């Protein structure tokens, strides 16, 4: 290679490096400005409550008993329940919350641990003075946490609802789109996720305020870093809930929701309405039979087929 060729190659590499640096700086600036604007535009609804060194976000609405508590799926937060929360709040009190480090909740000093997560939910509800017993509803990853909660804090619950719960092995039900999840926080920092809507499009279809909030946090490095931390403990979370059998006297409603977006979220209003209707029937059953120790058993209802709900 001649001296001229080497000089030309160096010039190309230099220009390429400078171009890449410019793109990264521009993307980082774009991300920072957009995030700052979102923080002003999207203040947290509900309350922030200390659970021991950090605060968790709790958003409750409606009146009545039993209180329905919503546990979000992987990468989710309280706002992903937009349609269900809205529907059920006309019938009883409904509380959604954000796990540590997700949404509007602070992360605290510790990495995600499923055992700590269920303890924090217990403390959150206790310190929020939300009256027991609850109907705890968990979706996908949240269903595994809800099951573990039911094992540890059985007296807290009047019933349990599991939507698309993961298999006991943990492996088969990990979302397929998580293959490159470790790169999400970095891609968010340089604005790539925001510019491409690679993740935030998964908020489409929710009520307007929920879409805005979920979309914003699916572009936030801190939210995604915590999501990746949860993903790394997926199997541990599932095993925690399956290690001990549930109390046979606890009514358990199992629902199959599937997904219209390739993401475990109830974005479709019609789909969410079927979920809400099944939970509403369970609310009525709990109200008429508080102990609900003789609930009928049957096959898990399929929401895609819009079958009637069944309690296991």
C-alpha atoms as a PDB file:
ATOM      1  CA  UNK A   1       0.000   0.000   0.000  1.00  0.00           C
ATOM      2  CA  UNK A   2       1.389   3.375  -0.969  1.00  0.00           C
ATOM      3  CA  UNK A   3       1.880   6.319   1.354  1.00  0.00           C
ATOM      4  CA  UNK A   4      -0.977   8.104  -0.401  1.00  0.00           C
ATOM      5  CA  UNK A   5      -3.317   5.143   0.120  1.00  0.00           C
ATOM      6  CA  UNK A   6      -2.408   4.965   3.829  1.00  0.00           C
ATOM      7  CA  UNK A   7      -3.046   8.660   4.204  1.00  0.00           C
ATOM      8  CA  UNK A   8      -6.421   8.327   2.502  1.00  0.00           C
ATOM      9  CA  UNK A   9      -7.365   5.385   4.747  1.00  0.00           C
ATOM     10  CA  UNK A  10      -6.413   7.324   7.868  1.00  0.00           C
ATOM     11  CA  UNK A  11      -8.509  10.263   6.688  1.00  0.00           C
ATOM     12  CA  UNK A  12     -11.523   7.985   6.111  1.00  0.00           C
ATOM     13  CA  UNK A  13     -11.148   6.370   9.531  1.00  0.00           C
ATOM     14  CA  UNK A  14     -10.808   9.775  11.161  1.00  0.00           C
ATOM     15  CA  UNK A  15     -13.890  11.126   9.405  1.00  0.00           C
ATOM     16  CA  UNK A  16     -15.798   7.951  10.268  1.00  0.00           C
ATOM     17  CA  UNK A  17     -14.862   8.249  13.949  1.00  0.00           C
ATOM     18  CA  UNK A  18     -15.809  11.911  14.012  1.00  0.00           C
ATOM     19  CA  UNK A  19     -19.127  11.142  12.341  1.00  0.00           C
ATOM     20  CA  UNK A  20     -19.889   8.374  14.834  1.00  0.00           C
ATOM     21  CA  UNK A  21     -19.006  10.687  17.727  1.00  0.00           C
ATOM     22  CA  UNK A  22     -21.295  13.376  16.350  1.00  0.00           C
ATOM     23  CA  UNK A  23     -24.182  10.912  16.016  1.00  0.00           C
ATOM     24  CA  UNK A  24     -23.679   9.679  19.599  1.00  0.00           C
ATOM     25  CA  UNK A  25     -23.493  13.228  21.004  1.00  0.00           C
ATOM     26  CA  UNK A  26     -26.531  14.330  19.010  1.00  0.00           C
ATOM     27  CA  UNK A  27     -28.481  11.261  20.118  1.00  0.00           C
ATOM     28  CA  UNK A  28     -27.490  11.742  23.755  1.00  0.00           C
ATOM     29  CA  UNK A  29     -28.565  15.388  23.618  1.00  0.00           C
ATOM     30  CA  UNK A  30     -31.851  14.427  21.970  1.00  0.00           C
ATOM     31  CA  UNK A  31     -32.462  11.810  24.657  1.00  0.00           C
ATOM     32  CA  UNK A  32     -31.664  14.232  27.482  1.00  0.00           C
ATOM     33  CA  UNK A  33     -33.880  17.031  26.203  1.00  0.00           C
ATOM     34  CA  UNK A  34     -36.799  14.682  25.459  1.00  0.00           C
ATOM     35  CA  UNK A  35     -36.540  13.084  28.900  1.00  0.00           C
ATOM     36  CA  UNK A  36     -36.497  16.491  30.631  1.00  0.00           C
ATOM     37  CA  UNK A  37     -39.626  17.533  28.750  1.00  0.00           C
ATOM     38  CA  UNK A  38     -41.349  14.245  29.663  1.00  0.00           C
ATOM     39  CA  UNK A  39     -40.601  14.712  33.340  1.00  0.00           C
ATOM     40  CA  UNK A  40     -42.505  18.020  33.248  1.00  0.00           C
ATOM     41  CA  UNK A  41     -45.319  16.689  31.092  1.00  0.00           C
ATOM     42  CA  UNK A  42     -45.813  13.383  32.916  1.00  0.00           C
ATOM     43  CA  UNK A  43     -45.768  13.887  36.696  1.00  0.00           C
ATOM     44  CA  UNK A  44     -46.622  10.771  38.649  1.00  0.00           C
ATOM     45  CA  UNK A  45     -50.278  10.143  39.441  1.00  0.00           C
ATOM     46  CA  UNK A  46     -51.118   8.774  42.880  1.00  0.00           C
ATOM     47  CA  UNK A  47     -48.567   8.643  45.692  1.00  0.00           C
ATOM     48  CA  UNK A  48     -44.926   7.893  46.444  1.00  0.00           C
ATOM     49  CA  UNK A  49     -44.597   5.814  49.620  1.00  0.00           C
ATOM     50  CA  UNK A  50     -41.441   4.892  51.508  1.00  0.00           C
ATOM     51  CA  UNK A  51     -40.898   1.142  51.767  1.00  0.00           C
ATOM     52  CA  UNK A  52     -37.558   1.279  53.565  1.00  0.00           C
ATOM     53  CA  UNK A  53     -34.967   3.641  52.131  1.00  0.00           C
ATOM     54  CA  UNK A  54     -36.699   4.317  48.844  1.00  0.00           C
ATOM     55  CA  UNK A  55     -40.166   5.162  47.567  1.00  0.00           C
ATOM     56  CA  UNK A  56     -42.538   3.164  45.410  1.00  0.00           C
ATOM     57  CA  UNK A  57     -45.241   4.673  43.240  1.00  0.00           C
ATOM     58  CA  UNK A  58     -48.842   3.648  44.002  1.00  0.00           C
ATOM     59  CA  UNK A  59     -51.820   4.793  41.951  1.00  0.00           C
ATOM     60  CA  UNK A  60     -55.288   3.970  43.308  1.00  0.00           C
ATOM     61  CA  UNK A  61     -58.750   5.012  42.158  1.00  0.00           C
ATOM     62  CA  UNK A  62     -62.345   3.979  42.705  1.00  0.00           C
ATOM     63  CA  UNK A  63     -64.169   2.982  45.852  1.00  0.00           C
ATOM     64  CA  UNK A  64     -65.254  -0.315  47.327  1.00  0.00           C
ATOM     65  CA  UNK A  65     -63.995  -3.646  48.590  1.00  0.00           C
ATOM     66  CA  UNK A  66     -62.227  -5.898  47.909  1.00  0.00           C
ATOM     67  CA  UNK A  67     -59.389  -3.783  46.578  1.00  0.00           C
ATOM     68  CA  UNK A  68     -57.862  -5.049  43.336  1.00  0.00           C
ATOM     69  CA  UNK A  69     -54.044  -4.821  43.225  1.00  0.00           C
ATOM     70  CA  UNK A  70     -52.338  -5.011  39.817  1.00  0.00           C
ATOM     71  CA  UNK A  71     -48.873  -6.548  39.300  1.00  0.00           C
ATOM     72  CA  UNK A  72     -47.403  -5.584  35.916  1.00  0.00           C
ATOM     73  CA  UNK A  73     -45.682  -7.865  33.368  1.00  0.00           C
ATOM     74  CA  UNK A  74     -42.000  -7.743  32.433  1.00  0.00           C
ATOM     75  CA  UNK A  75     -40.842  -4.235  31.455  1.00  0.00           C
ATOM     76  CA  UNK A  76     -44.211  -2.948  32.645  1.00  0.00           C
ATOM     77  CA  UNK A  77     -45.450  -0.454  35.199  1.00  0.00           C
ATOM     78  CA  UNK A  78     -48.775   0.697  36.631  1.00  0.00           C
ATOM     79  CA  UNK A  79     -49.758   2.486  33.411  1.00  0.00           C
ATOM     80  CA  UNK A  80     -49.782  -0.724  31.339  1.00  0.00           C
ATOM     81  CA  UNK A  81     -53.042  -1.593  33.125  1.00  0.00           C
ATOM     82  CA  UNK A  82     -54.717   1.517  31.678  1.00  0.00           C
ATOM     83  CA  UNK A  83     -57.826  -0.152  30.225  1.00  0.00           C
ATOM     84  CA  UNK A  84     -58.280  -2.686  33.054  1.00  0.00           C
ATOM     85  CA  UNK A  85     -57.720  -0.099  35.794  1.00  0.00           C
ATOM     86  CA  UNK A  86     -60.211   2.238  34.141  1.00  0.00           C
ATOM     87  CA  UNK A  87     -62.857  -0.487  33.786  1.00  0.00           C
ATOM     88  CA  UNK A  88     -62.549  -1.951  37.282  1.00  0.00           C
ATOM     89  CA  UNK A  89     -62.427   1.424  39.068  1.00  0.00           C
ATOM     90  CA  UNK A  90     -66.140   1.813  38.269  1.00  0.00           C
ATOM     91  CA  UNK A  91     -66.832  -1.282  40.410  1.00  0.00           C
ATOM     92  CA  UNK A  92     -64.316  -1.191  43.269  1.00  0.00           C
ATOM     93  CA  UNK A  93     -61.038   0.359  44.397  1.00  0.00           C
ATOM     94  CA  UNK A  94     -58.098  -0.514  42.144  1.00  0.00           C
ATOM     95  CA  UNK A  95     -54.393   0.007  42.855  1.00  0.00           C
ATOM     96  CA  UNK A  96     -51.556  -0.248  40.369  1.00  0.00           C
ATOM     97  CA  UNK A  97     -47.940   0.241  41.376  1.00  0.00           C
ATOM     98  CA  UNK A  98     -44.436   0.344  39.944  1.00  0.00           C
ATOM     99  CA  UNK A  99     -41.856  -2.136  41.184  1.00  0.00           C
ATOM    100  CA  UNK A 100     -38.527  -0.745  42.416  1.00  0.00           C
ATOM    101  CA  UNK A 101     -36.638   1.026  39.658  1.00  0.00           C
ATOM    102  CA  UNK A 102     -39.518   0.901  37.190  1.00  0.00           C
ATOM    103  CA  UNK A 103     -41.771   3.760  36.153  1.00  0.00           C
ATOM    104  CA  UNK A 104     -41.989   6.443  38.813  1.00  0.00           C
ATOM    105  CA  UNK A 105     -40.601   4.229  41.616  1.00  0.00           C
ATOM    106  CA  UNK A 106     -37.121   4.690  43.040  1.00  0.00           C
ATOM    107  CA  UNK A 107     -34.697   1.796  42.656  1.00  0.00           C
ATOM    108  CA  UNK A 108     -33.129   1.824  46.095  1.00  0.00           C
ATOM    109  CA  UNK A 109     -29.636   0.468  46.732  1.00  0.00           C
ATOM    110  CA  UNK A 110     -30.246  -3.167  45.825  1.00  0.00           C
ATOM    111  CA  UNK A 111     -30.495  -5.074  42.571  1.00  0.00           C
ATOM    112  CA  UNK A 112     -33.755  -6.791  41.762  1.00  0.00           C
ATOM    113  CA  UNK A 113     -34.548  -9.748  43.976  1.00  0.00           C
ATOM    114  CA  UNK A 114     -37.947 -11.500  43.674  1.00  0.00           C
ATOM    115  CA  UNK A 115     -38.198 -12.188  47.395  1.00  0.00           C
ATOM    116  CA  UNK A 116     -37.539  -8.545  48.210  1.00  0.00           C
ATOM    117  CA  UNK A 117     -40.003  -7.447  45.533  1.00  0.00           C
ATOM    118  CA  UNK A 118     -42.949  -9.217  47.135  1.00  0.00           C
ATOM    119  CA  UNK A 119     -41.951  -7.974  50.585  1.00  0.00           C
ATOM    120  CA  UNK A 120     -41.867  -4.410  49.242  1.00  0.00           C
ATOM    121  CA  UNK A 121     -45.375  -4.767  47.813  1.00  0.00           C
ATOM    122  CA  UNK A 122     -46.613  -5.980  51.202  1.00  0.00           C
ATOM    123  CA  UNK A 123     -44.995  -3.012  52.958  1.00  0.00           C
ATOM    124  CA  UNK A 124     -46.289  -0.607  50.304  1.00  0.00           C
ATOM    125  CA  UNK A 125     -49.919  -1.643  50.723  1.00  0.00           C
ATOM    126  CA  UNK A 126     -49.617  -1.685  54.508  1.00  0.00           C
ATOM    127  CA  UNK A 127     -48.100   1.801  54.698  1.00  0.00           C
ATOM    128  CA  UNK A 128     -50.616   3.101  52.163  1.00  0.00           C
ATOM    129  CA  UNK A 129     -53.403   1.932  54.527  1.00  0.00           C
ATOM    130  CA  UNK A 130     -55.164   0.056  51.745  1.00  0.00           C
ATOM    131  CA  UNK A 131     -57.477  -2.387  53.489  1.00  0.00           C
ATOM    132  CA  UNK A 132     -57.034  -6.146  53.157  1.00  0.00           C
ATOM    133  CA  UNK A 133     -57.921  -8.630  51.821  1.00  0.00           C
ATOM    134  CA  UNK A 134     -57.032  -7.916  48.192  1.00  0.00           C
ATOM    135  CA  UNK A 135     -57.662  -9.516  44.864  1.00  0.00           C
ATOM    136  CA  UNK A 136     -54.123  -9.658  43.489  1.00  0.00           C
ATOM    137  CA  UNK A 137     -53.878  -9.684  39.689  1.00  0.00           C
ATOM    138  CA  UNK A 138     -50.583 -10.570  38.010  1.00  0.00           C
ATOM    139  CA  UNK A 139     -49.785 -10.642  34.309  1.00  0.00           C
ATOM    140  CA  UNK A 140     -47.005 -12.824  32.820  1.00  0.00           C
ATOM    141  CA  UNK A 141     -43.843 -12.063  34.885  1.00  0.00           C
ATOM    142  CA  UNK A 142     -46.170 -10.285  37.318  1.00  0.00           C
ATOM    143  CA  UNK A 143     -48.192 -13.495  37.649  1.00  0.00           C
ATOM    144  CA  UNK A 144     -45.097 -15.271  38.957  1.00  0.00           C
ATOM    145  CA  UNK A 145     -44.591 -12.520  41.543  1.00  0.00           C
ATOM    146  CA  UNK A 146     -48.292 -12.581  42.451  1.00  0.00           C
ATOM    147  CA  UNK A 147     -48.102 -16.344  43.021  1.00  0.00           C
ATOM    148  CA  UNK A 148     -45.080 -15.924  45.279  1.00  0.00           C
ATOM    149  CA  UNK A 149     -46.932 -13.188  47.173  1.00  0.00           C
ATOM    150  CA  UNK A 150     -49.915 -15.512  47.666  1.00  0.00           C
ATOM    151  CA  UNK A 151     -47.642 -18.154  49.175  1.00  0.00           C
ATOM    152  CA  UNK A 152     -45.920 -15.772  51.582  1.00  0.00           C
ATOM    153  CA  UNK A 153     -48.804 -13.445  52.443  1.00  0.00           C
ATOM    154  CA  UNK A 154     -51.877 -15.640  52.109  1.00  0.00           C
ATOM    155  CA  UNK A 155     -53.892 -13.704  54.768  1.00  0.00           C
ATOM    156  CA  UNK A 156     -53.587 -10.577  52.605  1.00  0.00           C
ATOM    157  CA  UNK A 157     -55.594 -12.106  49.771  1.00  0.00           C
ATOM    158  CA  UNK A 158     -59.231 -12.817  49.048  1.00  0.00           C
ATOM    159  CA  UNK A 159     -58.400 -14.186  45.592  1.00  0.00           C
ATOM    160  CA  UNK A 160     -55.630 -14.425  43.015  1.00  0.00           C
ATOM    161  CA  UNK A 161     -55.806 -13.766  39.258  1.00  0.00           C
ATOM    162  CA  UNK A 162     -53.039 -15.089  37.000  1.00  0.00           C
ATOM    163  CA  UNK A 163     -52.957 -13.842  33.399  1.00  0.00           C
ATOM    164  CA  UNK A 164     -50.632 -15.767  31.070  1.00  0.00           C
ATOM    165  CA  UNK A 165     -48.496 -17.079  33.946  1.00  0.00           C
ATOM    166  CA  UNK A 166     -44.995 -18.333  32.988  1.00  0.00           C
ATOM    167  CA  UNK A 167     -44.238 -22.046  32.929  1.00  0.00           C
ATOM    168  CA  UNK A 168     -42.687 -23.444  36.108  1.00  0.00           C
ATOM    169  CA  UNK A 169     -39.332 -23.925  34.389  1.00  0.00           C
ATOM    170  CA  UNK A 170     -39.093 -20.227  33.604  1.00  0.00           C
ATOM    171  CA  UNK A 171     -37.281 -20.698  30.306  1.00  0.00           C
ATOM    172  CA  UNK A 172     -39.946 -21.215  27.644  1.00  0.00           C
ATOM    173  CA  UNK A 173     -41.963 -18.135  28.540  1.00  0.00           C
ATOM    174  CA  UNK A 174     -39.199 -15.533  28.460  1.00  0.00           C
ATOM    175  CA  UNK A 175     -40.252 -12.993  25.826  1.00  0.00           C
ATOM    176  CA  UNK A 176     -38.534 -13.719  22.513  1.00  0.00           C
ATOM    177  CA  UNK A 177     -37.731 -10.044  21.960  1.00  0.00           C
ATOM    178  CA  UNK A 178     -35.366 -10.012  24.967  1.00  0.00           C
ATOM    179  CA  UNK A 179     -32.463 -11.615  23.090  1.00  0.00           C
ATOM    180  CA  UNK A 180     -30.571  -8.313  22.924  1.00  0.00           C
ATOM    181  CA  UNK A 181     -32.012  -6.822  26.105  1.00  0.00           C
ATOM    182  CA  UNK A 182     -28.575  -6.053  27.561  1.00  0.00           C
ATOM    183  CA  UNK A 183     -28.110  -3.424  24.844  1.00  0.00           C
ATOM    184  CA  UNK A 184     -31.372  -1.585  25.567  1.00  0.00           C
ATOM    185  CA  UNK A 185     -30.081   0.820  28.271  1.00  0.00           C
ATOM    186  CA  UNK A 186     -27.123   1.879  26.077  1.00  0.00           C
ATOM    187  CA  UNK A 187     -29.342   2.306  23.007  1.00  0.00           C
ATOM    188  CA  UNK A 188     -31.690   4.412  25.126  1.00  0.00           C
ATOM    189  CA  UNK A 189     -28.875   6.688  26.339  1.00  0.00           C
ATOM    190  CA  UNK A 190     -27.852   7.597  22.804  1.00  0.00           C
ATOM    191  CA  UNK A 191     -31.413   8.133  21.625  1.00  0.00           C
ATOM    192  CA  UNK A 192     -31.608   5.124  19.286  1.00  0.00           C
ATOM    193  CA  UNK A 193     -34.631   3.571  20.991  1.00  0.00           C
ATOM    194  CA  UNK A 194     -36.461   6.882  21.048  1.00  0.00           C
ATOM    195  CA  UNK A 195     -35.699   7.593  17.408  1.00  0.00           C
ATOM    196  CA  UNK A 196     -36.698   4.139  16.152  1.00  0.00           C
ATOM    197  CA  UNK A 197     -39.546   3.454  18.623  1.00  0.00           C
ATOM    198  CA  UNK A 198     -38.142  -0.063  18.842  1.00  0.00           C
ATOM    199  CA  UNK A 199     -39.667  -0.594  22.296  1.00  0.00           C
ATOM    200  CA  UNK A 200     -42.010   2.343  22.818  1.00  0.00           C
ATOM    201  CA  UNK A 201     -44.359   1.227  20.042  1.00  0.00           C
ATOM    202  CA  UNK A 202     -45.421  -1.480  22.487  1.00  0.00           C
ATOM    203  CA  UNK A 203     -47.415   1.202  24.309  1.00  0.00           C
ATOM    204  CA  UNK A 204     -49.665   1.782  21.286  1.00  0.00           C
ATOM    205  CA  UNK A 205     -53.334   1.050  21.866  1.00  0.00           C
ATOM    206  CA  UNK A 206     -53.482   1.940  25.562  1.00  0.00           C
ATOM    207  CA  UNK A 207     -55.527   4.933  26.783  1.00  0.00           C
ATOM    208  CA  UNK A 208     -53.845   8.205  25.810  1.00  0.00           C
ATOM    209  CA  UNK A 209     -52.313   9.004  29.201  1.00  0.00           C
ATOM    210  CA  UNK A 210     -51.099   5.424  29.626  1.00  0.00           C
ATOM    211  CA  UNK A 211     -49.594   5.374  26.140  1.00  0.00           C
ATOM    212  CA  UNK A 212     -47.635   8.541  26.883  1.00  0.00           C
ATOM    213  CA  UNK A 213     -46.279   7.237  30.194  1.00  0.00           C
ATOM    214  CA  UNK A 214     -45.405   3.712  29.046  1.00  0.00           C
ATOM    215  CA  UNK A 215     -43.828   5.016  25.835  1.00  0.00           C
ATOM    216  CA  UNK A 216     -41.703   7.486  27.811  1.00  0.00           C
ATOM    217  CA  UNK A 217     -40.363   4.908  30.255  1.00  0.00           C
ATOM    218  CA  UNK A 218     -39.623   2.368  27.521  1.00  0.00           C
ATOM    219  CA  UNK A 219     -37.105   4.951  26.294  1.00  0.00           C
ATOM    220  CA  UNK A 220     -35.506   5.538  29.726  1.00  0.00           C
ATOM    221  CA  UNK A 221     -32.141   3.892  30.534  1.00  0.00           C
ATOM    222  CA  UNK A 222     -32.958   3.572  34.265  1.00  0.00           C
ATOM    223  CA  UNK A 223     -36.283   1.807  33.622  1.00  0.00           C
ATOM    224  CA  UNK A 224     -34.672  -0.516  31.078  1.00  0.00           C
ATOM    225  CA  UNK A 225     -31.666  -1.261  33.285  1.00  0.00           C
ATOM    226  CA  UNK A 226     -34.024  -2.462  36.013  1.00  0.00           C
ATOM    227  CA  UNK A 227     -36.050  -4.434  33.471  1.00  0.00           C
ATOM    228  CA  UNK A 228     -32.896  -6.244  32.356  1.00  0.00           C
ATOM    229  CA  UNK A 229     -32.098  -6.951  36.010  1.00  0.00           C
ATOM    230  CA  UNK A 230     -35.544  -8.523  36.426  1.00  0.00           C
ATOM    231  CA  UNK A 231     -35.054 -10.536  33.258  1.00  0.00           C
ATOM    232  CA  UNK A 232     -31.807 -11.974  34.627  1.00  0.00           C
ATOM    233  CA  UNK A 233     -33.794 -13.377  37.573  1.00  0.00           C
ATOM    234  CA  UNK A 234     -36.753 -14.630  35.515  1.00  0.00           C
ATOM    235  CA  UNK A 235     -36.303 -18.298  36.420  1.00  0.00           C
ATOM    236  CA  UNK A 236     -35.673 -17.481  40.087  1.00  0.00           C
ATOM    237  CA  UNK A 237     -38.886 -15.449  40.164  1.00  0.00           C
ATOM    238  CA  UNK A 238     -40.952 -18.258  38.660  1.00  0.00           C
ATOM    239  CA  UNK A 239     -39.436 -20.854  40.986  1.00  0.00           C
ATOM    240  CA  UNK A 240     -40.137 -18.702  44.041  1.00  0.00           C
ATOM    241  CA  UNK A 241     -43.854 -18.875  43.272  1.00  0.00           C
ATOM    242  CA  UNK A 242     -43.868 -22.582  42.449  1.00  0.00           C
ATOM    243  CA  UNK A 243     -41.726 -23.811  45.352  1.00  0.00           C
ATOM    244  CA  UNK A 244     -44.717 -24.161  47.705  1.00  0.00           C
ATOM    245  CA  UNK A 245     -48.269 -25.118  46.660  1.00  0.00           C
ATOM    246  CA  UNK A 246     -50.929 -22.446  46.957  1.00  0.00           C
ATOM    247  CA  UNK A 247     -53.473 -22.684  49.736  1.00  0.00           C
ATOM    248  CA  UNK A 248     -56.285 -24.865  48.401  1.00  0.00           C
ATOM    249  CA  UNK A 249     -58.818 -22.469  49.919  1.00  0.00           C
ATOM    250  CA  UNK A 250     -57.601 -19.486  47.892  1.00  0.00           C
ATOM    251  CA  UNK A 251     -59.747 -18.815  44.798  1.00  0.00           C
ATOM    252  CA  UNK A 252     -57.457 -18.636  41.766  1.00  0.00           C
ATOM    253  CA  UNK A 253     -58.640 -17.363  38.402  1.00  0.00           C
ATOM    254  CA  UNK A 254     -56.373 -18.262  35.480  1.00  0.00           C
ATOM    255  CA  UNK A 255     -56.785 -16.330  32.253  1.00  0.00           C
ATOM    256  CA  UNK A 256     -55.180 -16.671  28.856  1.00  0.00           C
ATOM    257  CA  UNK A 257     -54.837 -13.257  27.241  1.00  0.00           C
ATOM    258  CA  UNK A 258     -52.133 -13.743  24.649  1.00  0.00           C
ATOM    259  CA  UNK A 259     -50.868 -10.552  23.013  1.00  0.00           C
ATOM    260  CA  UNK A 260     -51.705  -8.428  20.014  1.00  0.00           C
ATOM    261  CA  UNK A 261     -48.281  -6.755  19.943  1.00  0.00           C
ATOM    262  CA  UNK A 262     -45.786  -9.525  20.724  1.00  0.00           C
ATOM    263  CA  UNK A 263     -45.518  -7.963  24.174  1.00  0.00           C
ATOM    264  CA  UNK A 264     -47.328  -8.996  27.335  1.00  0.00           C
ATOM    265  CA  UNK A 265     -49.573  -5.983  27.603  1.00  0.00           C
ATOM    266  CA  UNK A 266     -53.349  -5.572  27.512  1.00  0.00           C
ATOM    267  CA  UNK A 267     -53.215  -2.827  24.905  1.00  0.00           C
ATOM    268  CA  UNK A 268     -56.338  -3.775  23.020  1.00  0.00           C
ATOM    269  CA  UNK A 269     -59.444  -2.317  24.686  1.00  0.00           C
ATOM    270  CA  UNK A 270     -61.682  -5.243  23.691  1.00  0.00           C
ATOM    271  CA  UNK A 271     -59.157  -7.765  24.984  1.00  0.00           C
ATOM    272  CA  UNK A 272     -58.779  -5.799  28.211  1.00  0.00           C
ATOM    273  CA  UNK A 273     -62.549  -5.640  28.601  1.00  0.00           C
ATOM    274  CA  UNK A 274     -62.731  -9.436  28.645  1.00  0.00           C
ATOM    275  CA  UNK A 275     -60.111  -9.498  31.401  1.00  0.00           C
ATOM    276  CA  UNK A 276     -61.975  -6.821  33.344  1.00  0.00           C
ATOM    277  CA  UNK A 277     -65.258  -8.715  33.013  1.00  0.00           C
ATOM    278  CA  UNK A 278     -63.717 -11.911  34.355  1.00  0.00           C
ATOM    279  CA  UNK A 279     -62.201 -10.059  37.303  1.00  0.00           C
ATOM    280  CA  UNK A 280     -65.502  -8.250  37.925  1.00  0.00           C
ATOM    281  CA  UNK A 281     -67.246 -11.630  38.222  1.00  0.00           C
ATOM    282  CA  UNK A 282     -64.614 -12.668  40.744  1.00  0.00           C
ATOM    283  CA  UNK A 283     -65.187  -9.445  42.706  1.00  0.00           C
ATOM    284  CA  UNK A 284     -68.899 -10.264  42.921  1.00  0.00           C
ATOM    285  CA  UNK A 285     -68.116 -13.804  44.090  1.00  0.00           C
ATOM    286  CA  UNK A 286     -65.778 -12.547  46.815  1.00  0.00           C
ATOM    287  CA  UNK A 287     -68.366 -10.018  47.963  1.00  0.00           C
ATOM    288  CA  UNK A 288     -71.092 -12.632  48.289  1.00  0.00           C
ATOM    289  CA  UNK A 289     -68.814 -15.272  49.764  1.00  0.00           C
ATOM    290  CA  UNK A 290     -65.917 -13.519  51.552  1.00  0.00           C
ATOM    291  CA  UNK A 291     -64.066 -16.714  52.421  1.00  0.00           C
ATOM    292  CA  UNK A 292     -64.696 -18.225  48.990  1.00  0.00           C
ATOM    293  CA  UNK A 293     -63.490 -21.629  50.179  1.00  0.00           C
ATOM    294  CA  UNK A 294     -65.728 -23.698  47.922  1.00  0.00           C
ATOM    295  CA  UNK A 295     -65.009 -22.127  44.545  1.00  0.00           C
ATOM    296  CA  UNK A 296     -65.801 -24.424  41.600  1.00  0.00           C
ATOM    297  CA  UNK A 297     -62.920 -25.821  39.594  1.00  0.00           C
ATOM    298  CA  UNK A 298     -62.631 -25.932  35.829  1.00  0.00           C
ATOM    299  CA  UNK A 299     -60.494 -25.249  32.795  1.00  0.00           C
ATOM    300  CA  UNK A 300     -58.677 -21.940  32.380  1.00  0.00           C
ATOM    301  CA  UNK A 301     -60.803 -19.593  30.279  1.00  0.00           C
ATOM    302  CA  UNK A 302     -59.453 -18.435  26.929  1.00  0.00           C
ATOM    303  CA  UNK A 303     -59.871 -14.713  26.374  1.00  0.00           C
ATOM    304  CA  UNK A 304     -59.261 -15.083  22.665  1.00  0.00           C
ATOM    305  CA  UNK A 305     -62.296 -17.349  22.534  1.00  0.00           C
ATOM    306  CA  UNK A 306     -64.115 -15.001  24.965  1.00  0.00           C
ATOM    307  CA  UNK A 307     -65.301 -17.873  27.124  1.00  0.00           C
ATOM    308  CA  UNK A 308     -66.864 -17.291  30.528  1.00  0.00           C
ATOM    309  CA  UNK A 309     -64.529 -17.054  33.492  1.00  0.00           C
ATOM    310  CA  UNK A 310     -63.790 -19.942  35.791  1.00  0.00           C
ATOM    311  CA  UNK A 311     -62.306 -20.038  39.270  1.00  0.00           C
ATOM    312  CA  UNK A 312     -59.792 -22.723  40.158  1.00  0.00           C
END
